[in-house]
PDB file of N, CA and C in Angstrom:
ATOM      1  N   MET A   1      -6.645 -25.621   7.537  1.00  0.00           N
ATOM      2  CA  MET A   1      -5.697 -25.562   6.452  1.00  0.00           C
ATOM      3  C   MET A   1      -5.249 -24.119   6.274  1.00  0.00           C
ATOM      4  N   ALA A   2      -3.965 -23.877   6.385  1.00  0.00           N
ATOM      5  CA  ALA A   2      -3.424 -22.528   6.291  1.00  0.00           C
ATOM      6  C   ALA A   2      -3.330 -22.094   4.836  1.00  0.00           C
ATOM      7  N   SER A   3      -3.619 -20.823   4.611  1.00  0.00           N
ATOM      8  CA  SER A   3      -3.479 -20.312   3.254  1.00  0.00           C
ATOM      9  C   SER A   3      -2.065 -19.769   3.065  1.00  0.00           C
ATOM     10  N   ARG A   4      -1.611 -19.734   1.832  1.00  0.00           N
ATOM     11  CA  ARG A   4      -0.273 -19.255   1.532  1.00  0.00           C
ATOM     12  C   ARG A   4      -0.278 -17.738   1.491  1.00  0.00           C
ATOM     13  N   LYS A   5       0.812 -17.163   1.917  1.00  0.00           N
ATOM     14  CA  LYS A   5       0.959 -15.711   1.929  1.00  0.00           C
ATOM     15  C   LYS A   5       1.073 -15.209   0.495  1.00  0.00           C
ATOM     16  N   ARG A   6       0.236 -14.231   0.166  1.00  0.00           N
ATOM     17  CA  ARG A   6       0.286 -13.653  -1.174  1.00  0.00           C
ATOM     18  C   ARG A   6       1.311 -12.532  -1.203  1.00  0.00           C
ATOM     19  N   VAL A   7       2.039 -12.439  -2.284  1.00  0.00           N
ATOM     20  CA  VAL A   7       3.055 -11.404  -2.450  1.00  0.00           C
ATOM     21  C   VAL A   7       2.599 -10.477  -3.565  1.00  0.00           C
ATOM     22  N   TYR A   8       2.570  -9.182  -3.256  1.00  0.00           N
ATOM     23  CA  TYR A   8       2.155  -8.178  -4.234  1.00  0.00           C
ATOM     24  C   TYR A   8       3.381  -7.372  -4.641  1.00  0.00           C
ATOM     25  N   ASP A   9       3.515  -7.113  -5.938  1.00  0.00           N
ATOM     26  CA  ASP A   9       4.675  -6.351  -6.378  1.00  0.00           C
ATOM     27  C   ASP A   9       4.509  -4.866  -6.029  1.00  0.00           C
ATOM     28  N   ALA A  10       5.619  -4.151  -6.081  1.00  0.00           N
ATOM     29  CA  ALA A  10       5.640  -2.743  -5.678  1.00  0.00           C
ATOM     30  C   ALA A  10       4.670  -1.905  -6.514  1.00  0.00           C
ATOM     31  N   GLU A  11       4.553  -2.204  -7.783  1.00  0.00           N
ATOM     32  CA  GLU A  11       3.659  -1.440  -8.653  1.00  0.00           C
ATOM     33  C   GLU A  11       2.201  -1.562  -8.186  1.00  0.00           C
ATOM     34  N   PHE A  12       1.791  -2.767  -7.817  1.00  0.00           N
ATOM     35  CA  PHE A  12       0.426  -2.981  -7.332  1.00  0.00           C
ATOM     36  C   PHE A  12       0.204  -2.223  -6.029  1.00  0.00           C
ATOM     37  N   ARG A  13       1.177  -2.342  -5.090  1.00  0.00           N
ATOM     38  CA  ARG A  13       1.049  -1.652  -3.801  1.00  0.00           C
ATOM     39  C   ARG A  13       0.985  -0.147  -3.987  1.00  0.00           C
ATOM     40  N   GLU A  14       1.857   0.385  -4.828  1.00  0.00           N
ATOM     41  CA  GLU A  14       1.860   1.832  -5.091  1.00  0.00           C
ATOM     42  C   GLU A  14       0.537   2.286  -5.674  1.00  0.00           C
ATOM     43  N   GLY A  15       0.013   1.527  -6.607  1.00  0.00           N
ATOM     44  CA  GLY A  15      -1.259   1.879  -7.228  1.00  0.00           C
ATOM     45  C   GLY A  15      -2.404   1.861  -6.232  1.00  0.00           C
ATOM     46  N   ALA A  16      -2.419   0.864  -5.369  1.00  0.00           N
ATOM     47  CA  ALA A  16      -3.471   0.762  -4.352  1.00  0.00           C
ATOM     48  C   ALA A  16      -3.409   1.941  -3.397  1.00  0.00           C
ATOM     49  N   VAL A  17      -2.208   2.288  -2.950  1.00  0.00           N
ATOM     50  CA  VAL A  17      -2.033   3.427  -2.051  1.00  0.00           C
ATOM     51  C   VAL A  17      -2.440   4.717  -2.752  1.00  0.00           C
ATOM     52  N   ARG A  18      -2.075   4.845  -4.004  1.00  0.00           N
ATOM     53  CA  ARG A  18      -2.419   6.050  -4.776  1.00  0.00           C
ATOM     54  C   ARG A  18      -3.933   6.209  -4.884  1.00  0.00           C
ATOM     55  N   ILE A  19      -4.653   5.120  -5.080  1.00  0.00           N
ATOM     56  CA  ILE A  19      -6.120   5.203  -5.161  1.00  0.00           C
ATOM     57  C   ILE A  19      -6.682   5.776  -3.867  1.00  0.00           C
ATOM     58  N   VAL A  20      -6.191   5.289  -2.736  1.00  0.00           N
ATOM     59  CA  VAL A  20      -6.688   5.762  -1.436  1.00  0.00           C
ATOM     60  C   VAL A  20      -6.331   7.235  -1.230  1.00  0.00           C
ATOM     61  N   THR A  21      -5.079   7.586  -1.479  1.00  0.00           N
ATOM     62  CA  THR A  21      -4.624   8.938  -1.161  1.00  0.00           C
ATOM     63  C   THR A  21      -5.137   9.983  -2.138  1.00  0.00           C
ATOM     64  N   GLU A  22      -5.265   9.634  -3.411  1.00  0.00           N
ATOM     65  CA  GLU A  22      -5.670  10.630  -4.404  1.00  0.00           C
ATOM     66  C   GLU A  22      -7.172  10.758  -4.561  1.00  0.00           C
ATOM     67  N   THR A  23      -7.913   9.687  -4.306  1.00  0.00           N
ATOM     68  CA  THR A  23      -9.364   9.758  -4.484  1.00  0.00           C
ATOM     69  C   THR A  23     -10.098  10.003  -3.173  1.00  0.00           C
ATOM     70  N   GLY A  24      -9.448   9.682  -2.058  1.00  0.00           N
ATOM     71  CA  GLY A  24     -10.104   9.829  -0.766  1.00  0.00           C
ATOM     72  C   GLY A  24     -11.103   8.719  -0.464  1.00  0.00           C
ATOM     73  N   LYS A  25     -11.136   7.680  -1.309  1.00  0.00           N
ATOM     74  CA  LYS A  25     -12.028   6.543  -1.044  1.00  0.00           C
ATOM     75  C   LYS A  25     -11.583   5.834   0.221  1.00  0.00           C
ATOM     76  N   PRO A  26     -12.516   5.298   0.988  1.00  0.00           N
ATOM     77  CA  PRO A  26     -12.147   4.578   2.209  1.00  0.00           C
ATOM     78  C   PRO A  26     -11.351   3.304   1.898  1.00  0.00           C
ATOM     79  N   ILE A  27     -10.435   3.000   2.782  1.00  0.00           N
ATOM     80  CA  ILE A  27      -9.583   1.822   2.604  1.00  0.00           C
ATOM     81  C   ILE A  27     -10.401   0.546   2.409  1.00  0.00           C
ATOM     82  N   PRO A  28     -11.444   0.295   3.215  1.00  0.00           N
ATOM     83  CA  PRO A  28     -12.197  -0.951   3.013  1.00  0.00           C
ATOM     84  C   PRO A  28     -12.828  -1.061   1.614  1.00  0.00           C
ATOM     85  N   GLU A  29     -13.275   0.063   1.083  1.00  0.00           N
ATOM     86  CA  GLU A  29     -13.887   0.049  -0.252  1.00  0.00           C
ATOM     87  C   GLU A  29     -12.849  -0.261  -1.328  1.00  0.00           C
ATOM     88  N   VAL A  30     -11.700   0.388  -1.241  1.00  0.00           N
ATOM     89  CA  VAL A  30     -10.635   0.146  -2.222  1.00  0.00           C
ATOM     90  C   VAL A  30     -10.138  -1.289  -2.109  1.00  0.00           C
ATOM     91  N   ALA A  31      -9.963  -1.761  -0.875  1.00  0.00           N
ATOM     92  CA  ALA A  31      -9.498  -3.137  -0.668  1.00  0.00           C
ATOM     93  C   ALA A  31     -10.458  -4.144  -1.286  1.00  0.00           C
ATOM     94  N   GLU A  32     -11.746  -3.924  -1.091  1.00  0.00           N
ATOM     95  CA  GLU A  32     -12.732  -4.840  -1.675  1.00  0.00           C
ATOM     96  C   GLU A  32     -12.669  -4.803  -3.198  1.00  0.00           C
ATOM     97  N   ASP A  33     -12.547  -3.604  -3.761  1.00  0.00           N
ATOM     98  CA  ASP A  33     -12.449  -3.469  -5.219  1.00  0.00           C
ATOM     99  C   ASP A  33     -11.239  -4.216  -5.777  1.00  0.00           C
ATOM    100  N   LEU A  34     -10.143  -4.207  -5.019  1.00  0.00           N
ATOM    101  CA  LEU A  34      -8.907  -4.840  -5.481  1.00  0.00           C
ATOM    102  C   LEU A  34      -8.779  -6.299  -5.071  1.00  0.00           C
ATOM    103  N   GLY A  35      -9.680  -6.758  -4.202  1.00  0.00           N
ATOM    104  CA  GLY A  35      -9.646  -8.149  -3.766  1.00  0.00           C
ATOM    105  C   GLY A  35      -8.560  -8.449  -2.759  1.00  0.00           C
ATOM    106  N   ILE A  36      -8.231  -7.453  -1.917  1.00  0.00           N
ATOM    107  CA  ILE A  36      -7.231  -7.667  -0.881  1.00  0.00           C
ATOM    108  C   ILE A  36      -7.841  -7.386   0.485  1.00  0.00           C
ATOM    109  N   HIS A  37      -7.192  -7.833   1.532  1.00  0.00           N
ATOM    110  CA  HIS A  37      -7.692  -7.628   2.891  1.00  0.00           C
ATOM    111  C   HIS A  37      -7.512  -6.154   3.268  1.00  0.00           C
ATOM    112  N   PRO A  38      -8.515  -5.540   3.889  1.00  0.00           N
ATOM    113  CA  PRO A  38      -8.399  -4.134   4.276  1.00  0.00           C
ATOM    114  C   PRO A  38      -7.209  -3.856   5.195  1.00  0.00           C
ATOM    115  N   GLY A  39      -6.871  -4.790   6.066  1.00  0.00           N
ATOM    116  CA  GLY A  39      -5.715  -4.599   6.950  1.00  0.00           C
ATOM    117  C   GLY A  39      -4.409  -4.511   6.184  1.00  0.00           C
ATOM    118  N   THR A  40      -4.323  -5.263   5.095  1.00  0.00           N
ATOM    119  CA  THR A  40      -3.135  -5.219   4.251  1.00  0.00           C
ATOM    120  C   THR A  40      -2.990  -3.838   3.629  1.00  0.00           C
ATOM    121  N   LEU A  41      -4.075  -3.351   3.050  1.00  0.00           N
ATOM    122  CA  LEU A  41      -4.036  -2.027   2.423  1.00  0.00           C
ATOM    123  C   LEU A  41      -3.786  -0.941   3.462  1.00  0.00           C
ATOM    124  N   HIS A  42      -4.376  -1.088   4.620  1.00  0.00           N
ATOM    125  CA  HIS A  42      -4.163  -0.103   5.687  1.00  0.00           C
ATOM    126  C   HIS A  42      -2.681  -0.013   6.043  1.00  0.00           C
ATOM    127  N   SER A  43      -2.012  -1.152   6.135  1.00  0.00           N
ATOM    128  CA  SER A  43      -0.585  -1.122   6.479  1.00  0.00           C
ATOM    129  C   SER A  43       0.236  -0.462   5.373  1.00  0.00           C
ATOM    130  N   TRP A  44      -0.125  -0.694   4.109  1.00  0.00           N
ATOM    131  CA  TRP A  44       0.586  -0.046   3.003  1.00  0.00           C
ATOM    132  C   TRP A  44       0.408   1.463   3.048  1.00  0.00           C
ATOM    133  N   VAL A  45      -0.826   1.904   3.282  1.00  0.00           N
ATOM    134  CA  VAL A  45      -1.119   3.344   3.322  1.00  0.00           C
ATOM    135  C   VAL A  45      -0.393   3.977   4.510  1.00  0.00           C
ATOM    136  N   SER A  46      -0.427   3.329   5.661  1.00  0.00           N
ATOM    137  CA  SER A  46       0.261   3.855   6.843  1.00  0.00           C
ATOM    138  C   SER A  46       1.756   3.981   6.595  1.00  0.00           C
ATOM    139  N   ARG A  47       2.348   2.952   6.010  1.00  0.00           N
ATOM    140  CA  ARG A  47       3.779   2.974   5.720  1.00  0.00           C
ATOM    141  C   ARG A  47       4.104   4.096   4.735  1.00  0.00           C
ATOM    142  N   ALA A  48       3.275   4.251   3.732  1.00  0.00           N
ATOM    143  CA  ALA A  48       3.506   5.307   2.741  1.00  0.00           C
ATOM    144  C   ALA A  48       3.436   6.681   3.390  1.00  0.00           C
ATOM    145  N   ARG A  49       2.461   6.887   4.244  1.00  0.00           N
ATOM    146  CA  ARG A  49       2.312   8.192   4.907  1.00  0.00           C
ATOM    147  C   ARG A  49       3.473   8.468   5.848  1.00  0.00           C
ATOM    148  N   ARG A  50       3.920   7.457   6.582  1.00  0.00           N
ATOM    149  CA  ARG A  50       5.077   7.640   7.473  1.00  0.00           C
ATOM    150  C   ARG A  50       6.314   8.005   6.685  1.00  0.00           C
ATOM    151  N   ASN A  51       6.533   7.343   5.582  1.00  0.00           N
ATOM    152  CA  ASN A  51       7.745   7.568   4.810  1.00  0.00           C
ATOM    153  C   ASN A  51       7.721   8.852   4.006  1.00  0.00           C
ATOM    154  N   VAL A  52       6.553   9.306   3.624  1.00  0.00           N
ATOM    155  CA  VAL A  52       6.474  10.611   2.959  1.00  0.00           C
ATOM    156  C   VAL A  52       6.900  11.684   3.949  1.00  0.00           C
ATOM    157  N   VAL A  53       6.495  11.531   5.204  1.00  0.00           N
ATOM    158  CA  VAL A  53       6.906  12.479   6.242  1.00  0.00           C
ATOM    159  C   VAL A  53       8.414  12.379   6.454  1.00  0.00           C
ATOM    160  N   ALA A  54       8.939  11.166   6.490  1.00  0.00           N
ATOM    161  CA  ALA A  54      10.364  10.965   6.749  1.00  0.00           C
ATOM    162  C   ALA A  54      11.227  11.388   5.561  1.00  0.00           C
ATOM    163  N   VAL A  55      10.783  11.104   4.357  1.00  0.00           N
ATOM    164  CA  VAL A  55      11.569  11.380   3.160  1.00  0.00           C
ATOM    165  C   VAL A  55      11.240  12.757   2.612  1.00  0.00           C
ATOM    166  N   GLY A  56      10.018  13.204   2.806  1.00  0.00           N
ATOM    167  CA  GLY A  56       9.571  14.478   2.250  1.00  0.00           C
ATOM    168  C   GLY A  56       8.794  14.242   0.981  1.00  0.00           C
ATOM    169  N   PRO A  57       7.858  15.118   0.651  1.00  0.00           N
ATOM    170  CA  PRO A  57       7.007  14.917  -0.518  1.00  0.00           C
ATOM    171  C   PRO A  57       7.772  14.862  -1.830  1.00  0.00           C
ATOM    172  N   ALA A  58       8.947  15.478  -1.901  1.00  0.00           N
ATOM    173  CA  ALA A  58       9.727  15.441  -3.137  1.00  0.00           C
ATOM    174  C   ALA A  58      10.859  14.435  -3.027  1.00  0.00           C
ATOM    175  N   GLY A  59      10.681  13.458  -2.144  1.00  0.00           N
ATOM    176  CA  GLY A  59      11.749  12.506  -1.851  1.00  0.00           C
ATOM    177  C   GLY A  59      11.964  11.437  -2.888  1.00  0.00           C
ATOM    178  N   GLY A  60      11.230  11.425  -3.945  1.00  0.00           N
ATOM    179  CA  GLY A  60      11.445  10.426  -4.979  1.00  0.00           C
ATOM    180  C   GLY A  60      10.360   9.380  -5.006  1.00  0.00           C
ATOM    181  N   ARG A  61      10.534   8.407  -5.858  1.00  0.00           N
ATOM    182  CA  ARG A  61       9.503   7.404  -6.119  1.00  0.00           C
ATOM    183  C   ARG A  61       9.636   6.211  -5.195  1.00  0.00           C
ATOM    184  N   ALA A  62       8.620   5.939  -4.443  1.00  0.00           N
ATOM    185  CA  ALA A  62       8.420   4.687  -3.703  1.00  0.00           C
ATOM    186  C   ALA A  62       9.666   4.161  -3.013  1.00  0.00           C
ATOM    187  N   LEU A  63      10.279   4.970  -2.201  1.00  0.00           N
ATOM    188  CA  LEU A  63      11.439   4.508  -1.458  1.00  0.00           C
ATOM    189  C   LEU A  63      11.047   3.639  -0.280  1.00  0.00           C
ATOM    190  N   TRP A  64       9.778   3.541  -0.002  1.00  0.00           N
ATOM    191  CA  TRP A  64       9.311   2.898   1.209  1.00  0.00           C
ATOM    192  C   TRP A  64       8.861   1.465   1.019  1.00  0.00           C
ATOM    193  N   TRP A  65       9.020   0.863  -0.142  1.00  0.00           N
ATOM    194  CA  TRP A  65       8.601  -0.537  -0.308  1.00  0.00           C
ATOM    195  C   TRP A  65       9.761  -1.463  -0.047  1.00  0.00           C
ATOM    196  N   PRO A  66       9.576  -2.400   0.861  1.00  0.00           N
ATOM    197  CA  PRO A  66      10.626  -3.404   1.054  1.00  0.00           C
ATOM    198  C   PRO A  66      10.642  -4.373  -0.130  1.00  0.00           C
ATOM    199  N   ALA A  67      11.728  -5.061  -0.263  1.00  0.00           N
ATOM    200  CA  ALA A  67      11.815  -6.071  -1.319  1.00  0.00           C
ATOM    201  C   ALA A  67      10.781  -7.154  -1.069  1.00  0.00           C
ATOM    202  N   ALA A  68      10.407  -7.849  -2.115  1.00  0.00           N
ATOM    203  CA  ALA A  68       9.403  -8.918  -1.997  1.00  0.00           C
ATOM    204  C   ALA A  68       9.842  -9.918  -0.940  1.00  0.00           C
ATOM    205  N   GLY A  69       8.890 -10.302  -0.100  1.00  0.00           N
ATOM    206  CA  GLY A  69       9.152 -11.293   0.914  1.00  0.00           C
ATOM    207  C   GLY A  69       9.635 -10.742   2.247  1.00  0.00           C
ATOM    208  N   GLU A  70       9.852  -9.440   2.338  1.00  0.00           N
ATOM    209  CA  GLU A  70      10.298  -8.859   3.610  1.00  0.00           C
ATOM    210  C   GLU A  70       9.130  -8.495   4.457  1.00  0.00           C
TER     211      GLU A  70
END
């Protein structure tokens, strides 16, 4: 039986990434605390890091989140 894909809003994703980047906690630990799969959080953190490089640290707020369902 397949499970349904969970959709997380941008605020949740941003907060999860912020916990990893600002506290230095390992992704698996943060993922467990938040009840999400570590691979999911890893992809969010990777995307955030790539886009900070592309946009620059002063590039504005969360330009790297796709719309829900993308």
